[in-house]
């Protein structure tokens, strides 16, 4: 299997693969067959892999998500209301949301900051970013946090440690599939 796709997944999606984070976003410039093969493999773990946008430079913007976890997140009342206010229909399911997000990413050139909800960021942080234009945050790491900075720092550190572990395991020859945490192994998610 193409090691570079595995390394991209480990580098950009390890917290999602480890069931620490519900979803991840990354750019891919390689063979489209890798996407197809990995999409099938990941589905067996309850993970969805979706291409959201083809970039002018030949890359693709890919979204990896834990299907059931994201379904729960977008159906939470506050998140659903927020997404509706941004032109989404969460009651129509993830496929509808991702189609709308894909349209927004390919659209008029404005970035859809509501993507933060679909990346599992706290709604407080997504709203804070939009309302403050990216300024006045309490902490900056994987995203700009507007709530408790210590809680955000702990989360960012856990994601960083997870990514380092996944990448090191790949370098040691441990297959990525062997590292993916299934929902059955992590029932809290």
N, C-alpha and C. Protein backbone atom coordinates (compact mmCIF):
# COMPACT_ATOMS: atom_id res chain seq x y z
N UNK A 1 0.85 -1.18 0.00
CA UNK A 1 0.00 0.00 0.00
C UNK A 1 0.88 1.23 0.00
N UNK A 2 0.43 2.26 -0.65
CA UNK A 2 1.18 3.50 -0.77
C UNK A 2 1.42 4.11 0.60
N UNK A 3 2.67 4.10 1.02
CA UNK A 3 3.06 4.59 2.33
C UNK A 3 2.72 6.06 2.51
N UNK A 4 2.78 6.86 1.45
CA UNK A 4 2.55 8.29 1.61
C UNK A 4 1.10 8.60 2.00
N UNK A 5 0.12 7.84 1.53
CA UNK A 5 -1.26 8.09 1.97
C UNK A 5 -1.39 7.72 3.43
N UNK A 6 -0.79 6.61 3.83
CA UNK A 6 -0.80 6.23 5.24
C UNK A 6 -0.14 7.31 6.10
N UNK A 7 0.99 7.83 5.63
CA UNK A 7 1.68 8.87 6.39
C UNK A 7 0.83 10.14 6.46
N UNK A 8 0.12 10.49 5.39
CA UNK A 8 -0.76 11.66 5.41
C UNK A 8 -1.88 11.45 6.43
N UNK A 9 -2.47 10.28 6.45
CA UNK A 9 -3.50 9.99 7.44
C UNK A 9 -2.95 10.08 8.85
N UNK A 10 -1.76 9.52 9.07
CA UNK A 10 -1.15 9.59 10.41
C UNK A 10 -0.82 11.03 10.79
N UNK A 11 -0.29 11.79 9.84
CA UNK A 11 0.14 13.16 10.14
C UNK A 11 -1.03 14.10 10.40
N UNK A 12 -2.13 13.93 9.67
CA UNK A 12 -3.23 14.89 9.75
C UNK A 12 -4.50 14.37 10.41
N UNK A 13 -4.58 13.06 10.59
CA UNK A 13 -5.84 12.48 11.07
C UNK A 13 -5.68 11.55 12.26
N UNK A 14 -4.51 11.45 12.84
CA UNK A 14 -4.29 10.51 13.94
C UNK A 14 -5.31 10.65 15.06
N UNK A 15 -5.62 11.87 15.53
CA UNK A 15 -6.61 11.96 16.61
C UNK A 15 -7.99 11.41 16.22
N UNK A 16 -8.35 11.51 14.96
CA UNK A 16 -9.62 10.93 14.50
C UNK A 16 -9.50 9.41 14.44
N UNK A 17 -8.39 8.92 13.92
CA UNK A 17 -8.17 7.47 13.85
C UNK A 17 -8.14 6.86 15.25
N UNK A 18 -7.67 7.63 16.24
CA UNK A 18 -7.57 7.16 17.62
C UNK A 18 -8.85 7.40 18.42
N UNK A 19 -9.88 7.95 17.79
CA UNK A 19 -11.16 8.26 18.43
C UNK A 19 -11.03 9.31 19.54
N UNK A 20 -10.07 10.23 19.37
CA UNK A 20 -9.95 11.37 20.28
C UNK A 20 -10.67 12.59 19.72
N UNK A 21 -10.88 12.60 18.42
CA UNK A 21 -11.45 13.73 17.70
C UNK A 21 -12.41 13.15 16.65
N UNK A 22 -13.57 13.80 16.44
CA UNK A 22 -14.55 13.19 15.54
C UNK A 22 -14.21 13.29 14.05
N UNK A 23 -13.37 14.24 13.67
CA UNK A 23 -13.09 14.39 12.24
C UNK A 23 -11.82 15.19 12.00
N UNK A 24 -11.32 15.11 10.78
CA UNK A 24 -10.09 15.80 10.38
C UNK A 24 -10.20 16.19 8.91
N UNK A 25 -9.40 17.16 8.54
CA UNK A 25 -9.37 17.68 7.18
C UNK A 25 -7.92 17.74 6.73
N UNK A 26 -7.65 17.32 5.49
CA UNK A 26 -6.28 17.41 4.98
C UNK A 26 -6.27 17.47 3.47
N UNK A 27 -5.16 17.95 2.93
CA UNK A 27 -5.00 18.00 1.47
C UNK A 27 -4.20 16.80 1.01
N UNK A 28 -4.60 16.27 -0.14
CA UNK A 28 -3.95 15.10 -0.72
C UNK A 28 -3.61 15.39 -2.17
N UNK A 29 -2.36 15.09 -2.56
CA UNK A 29 -1.90 15.34 -3.92
C UNK A 29 -1.58 14.07 -4.68
N UNK A 30 -1.81 12.93 -4.09
CA UNK A 30 -1.37 11.68 -4.70
C UNK A 30 -2.37 11.01 -5.60
N UNK A 31 -2.19 9.72 -5.74
CA UNK A 31 -2.97 8.85 -6.61
C UNK A 31 -4.42 8.75 -6.13
N UNK A 32 -5.40 9.06 -6.99
CA UNK A 32 -6.82 8.94 -6.61
C UNK A 32 -7.21 7.52 -6.21
N UNK A 33 -6.48 6.52 -6.73
CA UNK A 33 -6.78 5.14 -6.33
C UNK A 33 -6.55 4.92 -4.85
N UNK A 34 -5.57 5.63 -4.27
CA UNK A 34 -5.32 5.51 -2.83
C UNK A 34 -6.55 5.94 -2.04
N UNK A 35 -7.17 7.04 -2.50
CA UNK A 35 -8.39 7.53 -1.85
C UNK A 35 -9.47 6.44 -1.88
N UNK A 36 -9.67 5.83 -3.03
CA UNK A 36 -10.71 4.81 -3.19
C UNK A 36 -10.44 3.60 -2.30
N UNK A 37 -9.20 3.13 -2.31
CA UNK A 37 -8.83 1.96 -1.50
C UNK A 37 -9.02 2.26 -0.02
N UNK A 38 -8.52 3.41 0.42
CA UNK A 38 -8.60 3.77 1.83
C UNK A 38 -10.03 4.09 2.26
N UNK A 39 -10.81 4.63 1.39
CA UNK A 39 -12.20 4.91 1.72
C UNK A 39 -12.91 3.60 2.10
N UNK A 40 -12.67 2.56 1.33
CA UNK A 40 -13.27 1.25 1.61
C UNK A 40 -12.74 0.67 2.92
N UNK A 41 -11.43 0.74 3.12
CA UNK A 41 -10.83 0.20 4.35
C UNK A 41 -11.39 0.91 5.58
N UNK A 42 -11.43 2.24 5.52
CA UNK A 42 -11.84 3.03 6.68
C UNK A 42 -13.32 2.83 7.00
N UNK A 43 -14.13 2.58 5.98
CA UNK A 43 -15.57 2.35 6.21
C UNK A 43 -15.78 1.18 7.16
N UNK A 44 -14.92 0.20 7.08
CA UNK A 44 -15.01 -0.96 7.96
C UNK A 44 -14.77 -0.63 9.43
N UNK A 45 -14.20 0.52 9.69
CA UNK A 45 -13.96 0.99 11.06
C UNK A 45 -14.98 2.05 11.49
N UNK A 46 -16.02 2.27 10.68
CA UNK A 46 -17.00 3.29 11.00
C UNK A 46 -16.55 4.70 10.66
N UNK A 47 -15.57 4.79 9.76
CA UNK A 47 -15.03 6.08 9.34
C UNK A 47 -15.44 6.38 7.90
N UNK A 48 -15.79 7.63 7.66
CA UNK A 48 -16.08 8.07 6.30
C UNK A 48 -14.92 8.90 5.79
N UNK A 49 -14.64 8.79 4.50
CA UNK A 49 -13.61 9.59 3.85
C UNK A 49 -14.26 10.23 2.65
N UNK A 50 -14.26 11.53 2.62
CA UNK A 50 -14.98 12.27 1.57
C UNK A 50 -14.08 13.33 0.96
N UNK A 51 -14.09 13.43 -0.35
CA UNK A 51 -13.40 14.50 -1.05
C UNK A 51 -14.35 15.69 -1.09
N UNK A 52 -13.92 16.82 -0.54
CA UNK A 52 -14.78 18.01 -0.49
C UNK A 52 -14.50 18.98 -1.62
N UNK A 53 -13.28 18.97 -2.12
CA UNK A 53 -12.93 19.96 -3.14
C UNK A 53 -11.69 19.52 -3.90
N UNK A 54 -11.72 19.68 -5.20
CA UNK A 54 -10.52 19.52 -6.01
C UNK A 54 -9.90 20.90 -6.13
N UNK A 55 -8.64 21.01 -5.79
CA UNK A 55 -7.94 22.30 -5.80
C UNK A 55 -7.30 22.56 -7.16
N UNK A 56 -7.13 23.82 -7.53
CA UNK A 56 -6.54 24.15 -8.84
C UNK A 56 -5.14 23.58 -9.04
N UNK A 57 -4.40 23.35 -7.94
CA UNK A 57 -3.05 22.82 -8.05
C UNK A 57 -3.00 21.30 -8.18
N UNK A 58 -4.17 20.67 -8.31
CA UNK A 58 -4.23 19.22 -8.50
C UNK A 58 -4.49 18.45 -7.22
N UNK A 59 -4.43 19.10 -6.08
CA UNK A 59 -4.70 18.42 -4.82
C UNK A 59 -6.19 18.31 -4.55
N UNK A 60 -6.52 17.57 -3.53
CA UNK A 60 -7.91 17.41 -3.09
C UNK A 60 -7.97 17.72 -1.60
N UNK A 61 -9.06 18.32 -1.18
CA UNK A 61 -9.32 18.54 0.23
C UNK A 61 -10.16 17.36 0.71
N UNK A 62 -9.61 16.58 1.62
CA UNK A 62 -10.27 15.36 2.09
C UNK A 62 -10.72 15.52 3.53
N UNK A 63 -11.85 14.93 3.83
CA UNK A 63 -12.47 15.00 5.15
C UNK A 63 -12.64 13.58 5.66
N UNK A 64 -12.02 13.27 6.81
CA UNK A 64 -12.15 11.97 7.45
C UNK A 64 -13.00 12.16 8.70
N UNK A 65 -14.00 11.32 8.87
CA UNK A 65 -14.87 11.51 10.03
C UNK A 65 -15.40 10.19 10.58
N UNK A 66 -15.66 10.19 11.86
CA UNK A 66 -16.31 9.08 12.54
C UNK A 66 -17.80 9.29 12.35
N UNK A 67 -18.41 8.46 11.55
CA UNK A 67 -19.77 8.68 11.08
C UNK A 67 -20.76 8.86 12.22
N UNK A 68 -20.86 7.91 13.13
CA UNK A 68 -21.86 8.00 14.20
C UNK A 68 -21.59 9.17 15.13
N UNK A 69 -20.32 9.43 15.42
CA UNK A 69 -19.98 10.51 16.32
C UNK A 69 -20.39 11.85 15.70
N UNK A 70 -20.09 12.04 14.43
CA UNK A 70 -20.46 13.30 13.78
C UNK A 70 -21.97 13.43 13.66
N UNK A 71 -22.66 12.33 13.43
CA UNK A 71 -24.12 12.39 13.37
C UNK A 71 -24.69 12.89 14.70
N UNK A 72 -24.09 12.44 15.81
CA UNK A 72 -24.53 12.92 17.12
C UNK A 72 -24.22 14.40 17.30
N UNK A 73 -23.04 14.83 16.91
CA UNK A 73 -22.64 16.23 17.06
C UNK A 73 -23.57 17.16 16.30
N UNK A 74 -23.83 16.85 15.04
CA UNK A 74 -24.64 17.76 14.22
C UNK A 74 -26.12 17.71 14.60
N UNK A 75 -26.54 16.68 15.33
CA UNK A 75 -27.94 16.62 15.75
C UNK A 75 -28.17 17.28 17.11
N UNK A 76 -27.09 17.63 17.82
CA UNK A 76 -27.25 18.36 19.09
C UNK A 76 -27.94 19.69 18.78
N UNK A 77 -28.90 20.07 19.61
CA UNK A 77 -29.77 21.22 19.34
C UNK A 77 -29.00 22.49 18.99
N UNK A 78 -28.00 22.86 19.78
CA UNK A 78 -27.26 24.10 19.53
C UNK A 78 -26.48 24.03 18.22
N UNK A 79 -25.83 22.90 17.98
CA UNK A 79 -25.07 22.75 16.74
C UNK A 79 -25.99 22.75 15.52
N UNK A 80 -27.12 22.04 15.64
CA UNK A 80 -28.07 21.99 14.52
C UNK A 80 -28.63 23.38 14.21
N UNK A 81 -28.98 24.13 15.25
CA UNK A 81 -29.50 25.48 15.04
C UNK A 81 -28.45 26.38 14.39
N UNK A 82 -27.22 26.27 14.86
CA UNK A 82 -26.14 27.06 14.27
C UNK A 82 -25.96 26.71 12.80
N UNK A 83 -25.91 25.43 12.48
CA UNK A 83 -25.72 25.01 11.09
C UNK A 83 -26.88 25.46 10.22
N UNK A 84 -28.10 25.37 10.74
CA UNK A 84 -29.25 25.86 9.98
C UNK A 84 -29.11 27.35 9.68
N UNK A 85 -28.61 28.11 10.65
CA UNK A 85 -28.44 29.56 10.45
C UNK A 85 -27.40 29.87 9.38
N UNK A 86 -26.58 28.88 9.04
CA UNK A 86 -25.53 29.05 8.04
C UNK A 86 -25.90 28.38 6.71
N UNK A 87 -27.16 27.95 6.58
CA UNK A 87 -27.63 27.40 5.32
C UNK A 87 -27.53 25.89 5.16
N UNK A 88 -27.35 25.17 6.25
CA UNK A 88 -27.26 23.72 6.22
C UNK A 88 -28.57 23.11 6.71
N UNK A 89 -28.79 21.85 6.39
CA UNK A 89 -29.98 21.13 6.85
C UNK A 89 -29.54 19.86 7.59
N UNK A 90 -29.14 20.00 8.86
CA UNK A 90 -28.62 18.83 9.59
C UNK A 90 -29.60 17.68 9.69
N UNK A 91 -30.91 17.99 9.62
CA UNK A 91 -31.91 16.92 9.71
C UNK A 91 -31.87 15.99 8.50
N UNK A 92 -31.19 16.39 7.43
CA UNK A 92 -31.06 15.54 6.24
C UNK A 92 -29.83 14.65 6.28
N UNK A 93 -29.05 14.72 7.34
CA UNK A 93 -27.94 13.80 7.53
C UNK A 93 -26.59 14.32 7.06
N UNK A 94 -25.58 13.53 7.34
CA UNK A 94 -24.19 13.92 7.06
C UNK A 94 -23.93 14.11 5.58
N UNK A 95 -24.49 13.26 4.75
CA UNK A 95 -24.24 13.39 3.31
C UNK A 95 -24.71 14.75 2.79
N UNK A 96 -25.87 15.18 3.25
CA UNK A 96 -26.39 16.49 2.87
C UNK A 96 -25.50 17.61 3.39
N UNK A 97 -25.08 17.50 4.64
CA UNK A 97 -24.20 18.52 5.22
C UNK A 97 -22.88 18.62 4.45
N UNK A 98 -22.31 17.48 4.13
CA UNK A 98 -21.02 17.48 3.43
C UNK A 98 -21.16 17.97 2.00
N UNK A 99 -22.30 17.68 1.37
CA UNK A 99 -22.54 18.22 0.02
C UNK A 99 -22.62 19.74 0.08
N UNK A 100 -23.32 20.26 1.07
CA UNK A 100 -23.43 21.71 1.23
C UNK A 100 -22.08 22.33 1.55
N UNK A 101 -21.31 21.70 2.43
CA UNK A 101 -19.97 22.20 2.75
C UNK A 101 -19.09 22.21 1.50
N UNK A 102 -19.18 21.16 0.72
CA UNK A 102 -18.41 21.08 -0.51
C UNK A 102 -18.78 22.23 -1.45
N UNK A 103 -20.07 22.51 -1.59
CA UNK A 103 -20.52 23.65 -2.41
C UNK A 103 -19.93 24.95 -1.89
N UNK A 104 -19.97 25.13 -0.56
CA UNK A 104 -19.46 26.37 0.05
C UNK A 104 -17.95 26.50 -0.18
N UNK A 105 -17.23 25.40 -0.09
CA UNK A 105 -15.77 25.44 -0.30
C UNK A 105 -15.42 25.78 -1.75
N UNK A 106 -16.25 25.34 -2.67
CA UNK A 106 -16.01 25.60 -4.09
C UNK A 106 -16.63 26.92 -4.55
N UNK A 107 -17.36 27.59 -3.67
CA UNK A 107 -18.17 28.73 -4.03
C UNK A 107 -17.46 30.05 -4.25
N UNK A 108 -17.96 31.08 -3.64
CA UNK A 108 -17.63 32.47 -3.93
C UNK A 108 -16.29 32.97 -3.40
N UNK A 109 -15.50 32.12 -2.81
CA UNK A 109 -14.20 32.55 -2.31
C UNK A 109 -14.18 32.87 -0.82
N UNK A 110 -15.34 32.99 -0.17
CA UNK A 110 -15.35 33.19 1.27
C UNK A 110 -15.24 31.83 1.95
N UNK A 111 -14.44 31.77 2.98
CA UNK A 111 -14.24 30.49 3.65
C UNK A 111 -15.39 30.22 4.62
N UNK A 112 -15.94 29.01 4.58
CA UNK A 112 -17.06 28.67 5.46
C UNK A 112 -16.57 28.29 6.88
N UNK A 113 -16.45 29.26 7.75
CA UNK A 113 -15.90 29.02 9.08
C UNK A 113 -16.75 28.08 9.93
N UNK A 114 -17.99 27.86 9.51
CA UNK A 114 -18.83 26.89 10.22
C UNK A 114 -18.25 25.48 10.11
N UNK A 115 -17.27 25.31 9.27
CA UNK A 115 -16.59 24.02 9.14
C UNK A 115 -16.06 23.54 10.49
N UNK A 116 -15.80 24.49 11.39
CA UNK A 116 -15.32 24.12 12.73
C UNK A 116 -16.25 23.15 13.43
N UNK A 117 -17.56 23.33 13.30
CA UNK A 117 -18.50 22.39 13.92
C UNK A 117 -18.31 21.01 13.32
N UNK A 118 -18.09 20.95 12.00
CA UNK A 118 -17.92 19.67 11.32
C UNK A 118 -16.54 19.07 11.56
N UNK A 119 -15.66 19.83 12.21
CA UNK A 119 -14.36 19.31 12.61
C UNK A 119 -14.33 18.98 14.11
N UNK A 120 -15.49 19.12 14.75
CA UNK A 120 -15.58 18.77 16.16
C UNK A 120 -15.09 19.84 17.11
N UNK A 121 -14.89 21.06 16.63
CA UNK A 121 -14.48 22.14 17.52
C UNK A 121 -15.69 22.54 18.37
N UNK A 122 -15.44 22.99 19.59
CA UNK A 122 -16.57 23.45 20.42
C UNK A 122 -17.30 24.61 19.73
N UNK A 123 -18.61 24.59 19.82
CA UNK A 123 -19.42 25.63 19.19
C UNK A 123 -19.02 27.02 19.71
N UNK A 124 -18.68 27.10 20.98
CA UNK A 124 -18.23 28.37 21.56
C UNK A 124 -17.03 28.93 20.79
N UNK A 125 -16.13 28.06 20.39
CA UNK A 125 -14.94 28.49 19.66
C UNK A 125 -15.27 28.88 18.22
N UNK A 126 -16.16 28.14 17.60
CA UNK A 126 -16.57 28.46 16.21
C UNK A 126 -17.26 29.82 16.19
N UNK A 127 -18.20 30.00 17.09
CA UNK A 127 -18.90 31.29 17.17
C UNK A 127 -17.93 32.41 17.51
N UNK A 128 -17.04 32.16 18.48
CA UNK A 128 -16.07 33.17 18.88
C UNK A 128 -15.18 33.59 17.73
N UNK A 129 -14.74 32.64 16.93
CA UNK A 129 -13.90 32.96 15.78
C UNK A 129 -14.65 33.84 14.79
N UNK A 130 -15.88 33.48 14.47
CA UNK A 130 -16.67 34.23 13.50
C UNK A 130 -16.96 35.63 14.03
N UNK A 131 -17.40 35.72 15.28
CA UNK A 131 -17.77 37.02 15.86
C UNK A 131 -16.58 37.95 16.04
N UNK A 132 -15.39 37.38 16.29
CA UNK A 132 -14.20 38.18 16.54
C UNK A 132 -13.27 38.28 15.34
N UNK A 133 -13.69 37.72 14.23
CA UNK A 133 -12.85 37.77 13.04
C UNK A 133 -11.47 37.14 13.25
N UNK A 134 -11.42 36.12 14.09
CA UNK A 134 -10.16 35.43 14.35
C UNK A 134 -9.28 36.11 15.39
N UNK A 135 -9.74 37.19 15.99
CA UNK A 135 -8.95 37.90 17.01
C UNK A 135 -9.53 37.62 18.39
N UNK A 136 -8.82 38.07 19.43
CA UNK A 136 -9.28 38.03 20.83
C UNK A 136 -9.47 36.61 21.37
N UNK A 137 -8.76 35.65 20.85
CA UNK A 137 -8.88 34.27 21.32
C UNK A 137 -8.12 34.11 22.63
N UNK A 138 -8.49 33.07 23.38
CA UNK A 138 -7.84 32.79 24.66
C UNK A 138 -6.64 31.87 24.50
N UNK A 139 -6.61 31.11 23.43
CA UNK A 139 -5.55 30.13 23.20
C UNK A 139 -5.57 29.75 21.72
N UNK A 140 -4.41 29.48 21.16
CA UNK A 140 -4.33 29.08 19.76
C UNK A 140 -3.51 27.80 19.65
N UNK A 141 -4.05 26.83 18.97
CA UNK A 141 -3.36 25.56 18.75
C UNK A 141 -3.87 24.96 17.45
N UNK A 142 -4.57 23.86 17.54
CA UNK A 142 -5.18 23.24 16.36
C UNK A 142 -6.27 24.14 15.79
N UNK A 143 -6.83 24.98 16.61
CA UNK A 143 -7.79 26.01 16.21
C UNK A 143 -7.68 27.13 17.23
N UNK A 144 -8.37 28.23 17.00
CA UNK A 144 -8.39 29.34 17.95
C UNK A 144 -9.53 29.10 18.93
N UNK A 145 -9.16 29.02 20.21
CA UNK A 145 -10.14 28.76 21.27
C UNK A 145 -10.58 30.07 21.90
N UNK A 146 -11.84 30.12 22.28
CA UNK A 146 -12.41 31.32 22.90
C UNK A 146 -12.96 31.02 24.28
N UNK A 147 -12.79 29.81 24.75
CA UNK A 147 -13.26 29.41 26.07
C UNK A 147 -12.07 29.20 27.00
N UNK A 148 -12.12 28.15 27.77
CA UNK A 148 -11.10 27.81 28.76
C UNK A 148 -9.78 27.48 28.07
N UNK A 149 -8.75 28.33 28.24
CA UNK A 149 -7.49 28.10 27.54
C UNK A 149 -6.75 26.84 28.02
N UNK A 150 -6.86 26.51 29.30
CA UNK A 150 -6.16 25.33 29.81
C UNK A 150 -6.77 24.05 29.24
N UNK A 151 -8.08 24.00 29.17
CA UNK A 151 -8.74 22.82 28.59
C UNK A 151 -8.34 22.68 27.12
N UNK A 152 -8.29 23.79 26.40
CA UNK A 152 -7.89 23.76 24.99
C UNK A 152 -6.44 23.29 24.86
N UNK A 153 -5.55 23.80 25.68
CA UNK A 153 -4.13 23.39 25.62
C UNK A 153 -3.97 21.90 25.88
N UNK A 154 -4.73 21.38 26.86
CA UNK A 154 -4.65 19.93 27.15
C UNK A 154 -5.10 19.12 25.94
N UNK A 155 -6.19 19.56 25.30
CA UNK A 155 -6.69 18.85 24.13
C UNK A 155 -5.67 18.90 22.99
N UNK A 156 -5.11 20.10 22.73
CA UNK A 156 -4.11 20.25 21.67
C UNK A 156 -2.91 19.35 21.95
N UNK A 157 -2.47 19.29 23.20
CA UNK A 157 -1.31 18.45 23.56
C UNK A 157 -1.63 16.98 23.34
N UNK A 158 -2.86 16.56 23.67
CA UNK A 158 -3.20 15.14 23.47
C UNK A 158 -3.22 14.81 21.98
N UNK A 159 -3.70 15.74 21.15
CA UNK A 159 -3.69 15.51 19.70
C UNK A 159 -2.26 15.43 19.18
N UNK A 160 -1.39 16.28 19.67
CA UNK A 160 0.01 16.29 19.24
C UNK A 160 0.70 14.98 19.63
N UNK A 161 0.49 14.52 20.87
CA UNK A 161 1.09 13.25 21.32
C UNK A 161 0.57 12.08 20.48
N UNK A 162 -0.71 12.09 20.20
CA UNK A 162 -1.31 11.03 19.40
C UNK A 162 -0.69 10.99 18.01
N UNK A 163 -0.56 12.14 17.38
CA UNK A 163 0.02 12.22 16.04
C UNK A 163 1.46 11.71 16.04
N UNK A 164 2.23 12.11 17.03
CA UNK A 164 3.62 11.64 17.13
C UNK A 164 3.67 10.12 17.27
N UNK A 165 2.77 9.58 18.10
CA UNK A 165 2.74 8.13 18.31
C UNK A 165 2.38 7.39 17.02
N UNK A 166 1.37 7.86 16.31
CA UNK A 166 0.97 7.21 15.06
C UNK A 166 2.09 7.25 14.02
N UNK A 167 2.72 8.40 13.90
CA UNK A 167 3.80 8.52 12.91
C UNK A 167 4.98 7.61 13.28
N UNK A 168 5.32 7.58 14.55
CA UNK A 168 6.42 6.72 14.99
C UNK A 168 6.07 5.25 14.78
N UNK A 169 4.85 4.86 15.09
CA UNK A 169 4.43 3.47 14.86
C UNK A 169 4.55 3.09 13.39
N UNK A 170 4.17 3.99 12.48
CA UNK A 170 4.32 3.71 11.05
C UNK A 170 5.79 3.53 10.70
N UNK A 171 6.64 4.40 11.23
CA UNK A 171 8.08 4.27 10.95
C UNK A 171 8.63 2.95 11.46
N UNK A 172 8.04 2.43 12.53
CA UNK A 172 8.48 1.15 13.10
C UNK A 172 7.85 -0.04 12.38
N UNK A 173 7.00 0.23 11.38
CA UNK A 173 6.41 -0.85 10.59
C UNK A 173 5.05 -1.31 11.04
N UNK A 174 4.43 -0.62 11.98
CA UNK A 174 3.09 -1.00 12.42
C UNK A 174 2.07 -0.40 11.45
N UNK A 175 1.31 -1.25 10.81
CA UNK A 175 0.34 -0.81 9.80
C UNK A 175 -0.68 0.13 10.40
N UNK A 176 -1.11 1.08 9.61
CA UNK A 176 -2.09 2.05 10.07
C UNK A 176 -3.39 1.37 10.50
N UNK A 177 -3.85 0.39 9.73
CA UNK A 177 -5.08 -0.31 10.08
C UNK A 177 -5.02 -0.91 11.49
N UNK A 178 -3.84 -1.36 11.90
CA UNK A 178 -3.68 -1.94 13.24
C UNK A 178 -3.75 -0.89 14.34
N UNK A 179 -3.63 0.37 13.98
CA UNK A 179 -3.65 1.46 14.96
C UNK A 179 -5.01 2.12 15.11
N UNK A 180 -5.93 1.83 14.21
CA UNK A 180 -7.24 2.50 14.24
C UNK A 180 -8.07 1.97 15.40
N UNK A 181 -8.56 2.88 16.20
CA UNK A 181 -9.41 2.52 17.33
C UNK A 181 -10.84 2.39 16.82
N UNK A 182 -11.46 1.27 17.14
CA UNK A 182 -12.85 1.08 16.74
C UNK A 182 -13.76 1.62 17.83
N UNK A 183 -14.97 1.96 17.47
CA UNK A 183 -15.92 2.49 18.45
C UNK A 183 -16.20 1.48 19.53
N UNK A 184 -16.13 0.20 19.21
CA UNK A 184 -16.38 -0.82 20.23
C UNK A 184 -15.30 -0.77 21.30
N UNK A 185 -14.09 -0.40 20.91
CA UNK A 185 -13.01 -0.29 21.89
C UNK A 185 -13.08 1.01 22.67
N UNK A 186 -13.84 1.98 22.18
CA UNK A 186 -13.96 3.27 22.85
C UNK A 186 -15.44 3.66 22.88
N UNK A 187 -16.23 2.99 23.75
CA UNK A 187 -17.68 3.19 23.73
C UNK A 187 -18.12 4.58 24.16
N UNK A 188 -17.28 5.35 24.79
CA UNK A 188 -17.66 6.69 25.22
C UNK A 188 -17.84 7.64 24.06
N UNK A 189 -17.33 7.27 22.89
CA UNK A 189 -17.38 8.17 21.73
C UNK A 189 -18.64 7.93 20.93
